[in-house]
Amino acid sequence: MAEVYPGVEVRKELGEHETLLGIDKARQVLGYEPQHSWRNHVDR
């Protein structure tokens, strides 16, 4: 990330499958939980 976005603060450790965009706020404020995972729809 630092190579592509220099100067951007990293606020937490990013796991192997984490993105830079999260749904944490939607979970906290709205109680949102995804019904499907992209992992179930991608051929490996």
Protein backbone atom coordinates (compact mmCIF):
# COMPACT_ATOMS: atom_id res chain seq x y z
CA MET A 1 0.00 0.00 0.00
CA ALA A 2 2.78 2.40 0.88
CA GLU A 3 4.20 2.08 -2.63
CA VAL A 4 0.93 3.03 -4.33
CA TYR A 5 -0.45 5.40 -1.66
CA PRO A 6 2.52 7.06 0.02
CA GLY A 7 1.64 9.23 2.99
CA VAL A 8 -1.66 7.46 3.72
CA GLU A 9 -1.96 6.47 7.37
CA VAL A 10 -2.38 2.74 8.01
CA ARG A 11 -4.64 2.47 11.06
CA LYS A 12 -4.59 -1.29 11.50
CA GLU A 13 -2.79 -4.36 10.25
CA LEU A 14 -4.24 -5.57 6.95
CA GLY A 15 -4.83 -9.29 6.59
CA GLU A 16 -4.32 -11.30 3.44
CA HIS A 17 -7.90 -10.81 2.16
CA GLU A 18 -8.67 -7.36 3.63
CA THR A 19 -9.30 -4.33 1.48
CA LEU A 20 -8.67 -0.66 2.05
CA LEU A 21 -12.42 -0.12 2.19
CA GLY A 22 -14.41 -1.70 4.97
CA ILE A 23 -17.96 -2.15 6.16
CA ASP A 24 -17.15 -1.63 9.83
CA LYS A 25 -19.20 1.57 10.06
CA ALA A 26 -22.24 -0.07 8.42
CA ARG A 27 -21.97 -2.94 10.88
CA GLN A 28 -21.69 -0.58 13.84
CA VAL A 29 -24.34 1.99 12.89
CA LEU A 30 -26.83 -0.08 10.90
CA GLY A 31 -26.24 -3.59 12.24
CA TYR A 32 -25.43 -4.68 8.68
CA GLU A 33 -24.10 -8.18 8.07
CA PRO A 34 -23.43 -9.45 4.54
CA GLN A 35 -25.62 -12.30 3.35
CA HIS A 36 -23.07 -13.54 0.78
CA SER A 37 -19.30 -13.75 0.50
CA TRP A 38 -17.37 -13.15 -2.70
CA ARG A 39 -15.30 -16.21 -1.80
CA ASN A 40 -18.33 -18.41 -2.48
CA HIS A 41 -18.59 -17.08 -6.04
CA VAL A 42 -14.97 -17.18 -7.25
CA ASP A 43 -13.45 -20.24 -8.87
CA ARG A 44 -10.21 -21.26 -7.27
